[in-house]
Amino acid sequence: MNGHDPGPQGNRHRSHAPHQAYRCAGIDRWIAIDVATDDEFAALCRVIGDESLARDPDFATGAARLAHIDRLDRRIAERTRRFDKFWLFHRLQSAGVTAGPLLTATERFQCPQLQARGFFEYLDHDSVGWQWYPGLFWRMERTPNGLRARRARWDTTTSTSTASC
């Protein structure tokens, strides 16, 4: 909009800190956390059990957190490794902190929220027959949309749900 290309940011945000994917308990288990305000940061610190972090002058404001982001990320990562990603996700969301578990392919297919939204589509493929496929991330209110195939039906009732996301 302003004619300036900001370039790649990776997992970092220009004004939110922390804003990163952090390792959780288990093998290759991660959670994405995005803190935009001082209140959210205090809530994050309470949930991960490190309230001294919120009182540290190096992390007291958004600008201070950005200035010391590498040290902040290390401190948070030390704590998130202790928690199950789903447990931590639910606690952070309940505390008003934007967070979400990074899901494996299996977890995505088992996610009750994605199933309830009709995200997966059961399509007939010429070579492998009927299969579940990830659908589109958006739904239009007055214009039907979805994946296209020779035959398709919107039915998620045959998929099972064992994970909680």
Protein backbone atom coordinates (compact mmCIF):
# COMPACT_ATOMS: atom_id res chain seq x y z
CA MET A 1 0.00 0.00 0.00
CA ASN A 2 2.89 2.37 0.63
CA GLY A 3 5.08 1.16 -2.24
CA HIS A 4 7.71 -0.25 0.12
CA ASP A 5 8.62 -3.95 0.14
CA PRO A 6 9.36 -4.87 3.78
CA GLY A 7 11.21 -8.06 2.83
CA PRO A 8 10.95 -11.42 4.59
CA GLN A 9 10.32 -11.50 8.33
CA GLY A 10 10.57 -15.22 9.04
CA ASN A 11 8.75 -16.07 12.26
CA ARG A 12 9.30 -12.61 13.69
CA HIS A 13 6.90 -9.68 13.65
CA ARG A 14 7.86 -6.02 13.41
CA SER A 15 5.91 -5.00 16.52
CA HIS A 16 4.76 -8.18 18.33
CA ALA A 17 7.09 -9.95 20.74
CA PRO A 18 7.19 -12.79 21.31
CA HIS A 19 5.99 -13.99 17.91
CA GLN A 20 7.42 -17.40 17.20
CA ALA A 21 6.92 -21.16 17.06
CA TYR A 22 8.23 -22.78 20.24
CA ARG A 23 9.07 -26.42 20.92
CA CYS A 24 6.81 -28.27 23.35
CA ALA A 25 7.08 -31.57 25.23
CA GLY A 26 7.47 -34.59 22.97
CA ILE A 27 9.16 -35.25 19.66
CA ASP A 28 8.67 -32.52 17.06
CA ARG A 29 5.80 -30.88 18.99
CA TRP A 30 5.40 -27.10 18.56
CA ILE A 31 3.12 -24.19 19.40
CA ALA A 32 2.90 -20.80 17.70
CA ILE A 33 2.54 -17.85 20.07
CA ASP A 34 1.83 -14.21 19.16
CA VAL A 35 1.87 -11.52 21.86
CA ALA A 36 0.73 -8.04 20.84
CA THR A 37 0.25 -6.27 24.19
CA ASP A 38 1.81 -6.02 27.64
CA ASP A 39 -1.31 -7.61 29.16
CA GLU A 40 -0.98 -10.59 26.81
CA PHE A 41 2.69 -10.90 27.75
CA ALA A 42 1.82 -10.94 31.47
CA ALA A 43 -0.80 -13.64 30.78
CA LEU A 44 1.74 -15.71 28.82
CA CYS A 45 4.21 -15.48 31.70
CA ARG A 46 1.54 -16.62 34.19
CA VAL A 47 0.55 -19.61 32.05
CA ILE A 48 4.12 -20.81 31.46
CA GLY A 49 4.97 -20.29 35.14
CA ASP A 50 7.59 -17.55 34.75
CA GLU A 51 6.03 -14.38 36.17
CA SER A 52 9.49 -12.96 36.89
CA LEU A 53 9.86 -12.64 33.13
CA ALA A 54 7.04 -10.07 33.05
CA ARG A 55 8.73 -8.06 35.81
CA ASP A 56 12.13 -7.96 34.07
CA PRO A 57 12.76 -4.40 32.75
CA ASP A 58 14.24 -5.88 29.56
CA PHE A 59 10.80 -7.31 28.76
CA ALA A 60 8.45 -4.78 30.41
CA THR A 61 7.22 -3.22 27.14
CA GLY A 62 6.78 -4.30 23.56
CA ALA A 63 9.74 -2.17 22.47
CA ALA A 64 11.92 -3.65 25.21
CA ARG A 65 10.90 -7.20 24.25
CA LEU A 66 11.78 -6.51 20.62
CA ALA A 67 15.17 -5.08 21.65
CA HIS A 68 15.95 -8.29 23.59
CA ILE A 69 14.07 -10.75 21.40
CA ASP A 70 16.74 -13.45 21.18
CA ARG A 71 17.05 -13.71 24.97
CA LEU A 72 13.26 -13.57 25.33
CA ASP A 73 12.77 -16.38 22.82
CA ARG A 74 15.28 -18.56 24.68
CA ARG A 75 13.52 -17.98 28.03
CA ILE A 76 10.10 -18.79 26.61
CA ALA A 77 11.43 -21.86 24.80
CA GLU A 78 12.86 -23.17 28.09
CA ARG A 79 9.33 -23.10 29.52
CA THR A 80 7.22 -24.26 26.57
CA ARG A 81 9.30 -27.46 26.31
CA ARG A 82 7.69 -28.57 29.57
CA PHE A 83 4.11 -28.55 28.28
CA ASP A 84 1.97 -30.58 25.93
CA LYS A 85 1.15 -28.35 22.95
CA PHE A 86 -2.62 -28.88 23.22
CA TRP A 87 -2.68 -28.23 26.96
CA LEU A 88 -0.63 -25.06 26.49
CA PHE A 89 -2.77 -23.93 23.54
CA HIS A 90 -5.99 -24.18 25.53
CA ARG A 91 -4.50 -22.40 28.58
CA LEU A 92 -3.03 -19.56 26.50
CA GLN A 93 -6.23 -19.06 24.53
CA SER A 94 -8.24 -19.01 27.77
CA ALA A 95 -5.85 -16.35 29.11
CA GLY A 96 -6.30 -14.16 26.03
CA VAL A 97 -3.00 -15.01 24.30
CA THR A 98 -3.06 -15.80 20.60
CA ALA A 99 -1.62 -19.30 20.21
CA GLY A 100 -2.12 -22.44 18.20
CA PRO A 101 -0.57 -25.90 18.08
CA LEU A 102 1.35 -26.78 14.93
CA LEU A 103 -0.47 -29.86 13.71
CA THR A 104 0.93 -32.94 12.04
CA ALA A 105 -0.91 -34.26 8.98
CA THR A 106 -2.67 -36.86 11.14
CA GLU A 107 -3.66 -34.26 13.74
CA ARG A 108 -5.12 -32.03 11.03
CA PHE A 109 -7.35 -34.82 9.79
CA GLN A 110 -8.45 -35.59 13.37
CA CYS A 111 -9.05 -31.96 14.38
CA PRO A 112 -12.68 -31.54 15.51
CA GLN A 113 -12.72 -27.84 14.56
CA LEU A 114 -11.59 -28.50 10.98
CA GLN A 115 -14.09 -31.36 10.72
CA ALA A 116 -16.93 -29.21 12.06
CA ARG A 117 -16.13 -26.50 9.50
CA GLY A 118 -16.30 -29.05 6.67
CA PHE A 119 -12.68 -28.34 5.78
CA PHE A 120 -11.94 -31.81 4.40
CA GLU A 121 -13.53 -32.91 1.16
CA TYR A 122 -14.08 -36.50 0.08
CA LEU A 123 -13.18 -36.66 -3.61
CA ASP A 124 -12.97 -39.38 -6.20
CA HIS A 125 -9.49 -39.54 -7.71
CA ASP A 126 -9.00 -41.34 -11.04
CA SER A 127 -6.03 -43.37 -9.77
CA VAL A 128 -6.68 -43.98 -6.07
CA GLY A 129 -10.45 -43.72 -5.70
CA TRP A 130 -12.24 -41.87 -2.93
CA GLN A 131 -9.89 -40.01 -0.55
CA TRP A 132 -10.10 -37.22 2.00
CA TYR A 133 -8.35 -34.01 0.92
CA PRO A 134 -7.68 -30.74 2.75
CA GLY A 135 -10.10 -28.17 1.37
CA LEU A 136 -10.06 -24.41 1.05
CA PHE A 137 -9.42 -22.23 4.08
CA TRP A 138 -12.36 -19.95 3.36
CA ARG A 139 -16.06 -20.41 2.74
CA MET A 140 -18.18 -17.93 0.84
CA GLU A 141 -21.64 -17.18 2.13
CA ARG A 142 -23.46 -16.90 -1.21
CA THR A 143 -21.06 -18.54 -3.65
CA PRO A 144 -20.37 -22.25 -3.29
CA ASN A 145 -16.70 -23.09 -3.50
CA GLY A 146 -14.54 -26.10 -2.94
CA LEU A 147 -12.14 -28.48 -4.57
CA ARG A 148 -13.15 -29.71 -8.00
CA ALA A 149 -13.24 -33.34 -9.02
CA ARG A 150 -15.27 -35.62 -11.22
CA ARG A 151 -17.51 -36.38 -8.22
CA ALA A 152 -17.41 -34.76 -4.81
CA ARG A 153 -19.50 -34.75 -1.69
CA TRP A 154 -19.32 -32.76 1.53
CA ASP A 155 -19.42 -35.42 4.21
CA THR A 156 -17.09 -35.45 7.19
CA THR A 157 -19.17 -37.90 9.23
CA THR A 158 -16.99 -40.91 8.38
CA SER A 159 -13.80 -39.30 9.72
CA THR A 160 -12.91 -40.05 13.34
CA SER A 161 -11.80 -37.55 15.93
CA THR A 162 -9.18 -38.42 18.51
CA ALA A 163 -7.14 -35.22 18.86
CA SER A 164 -8.32 -31.97 20.36
CA CYS A 165 -7.23 -28.83 18.61
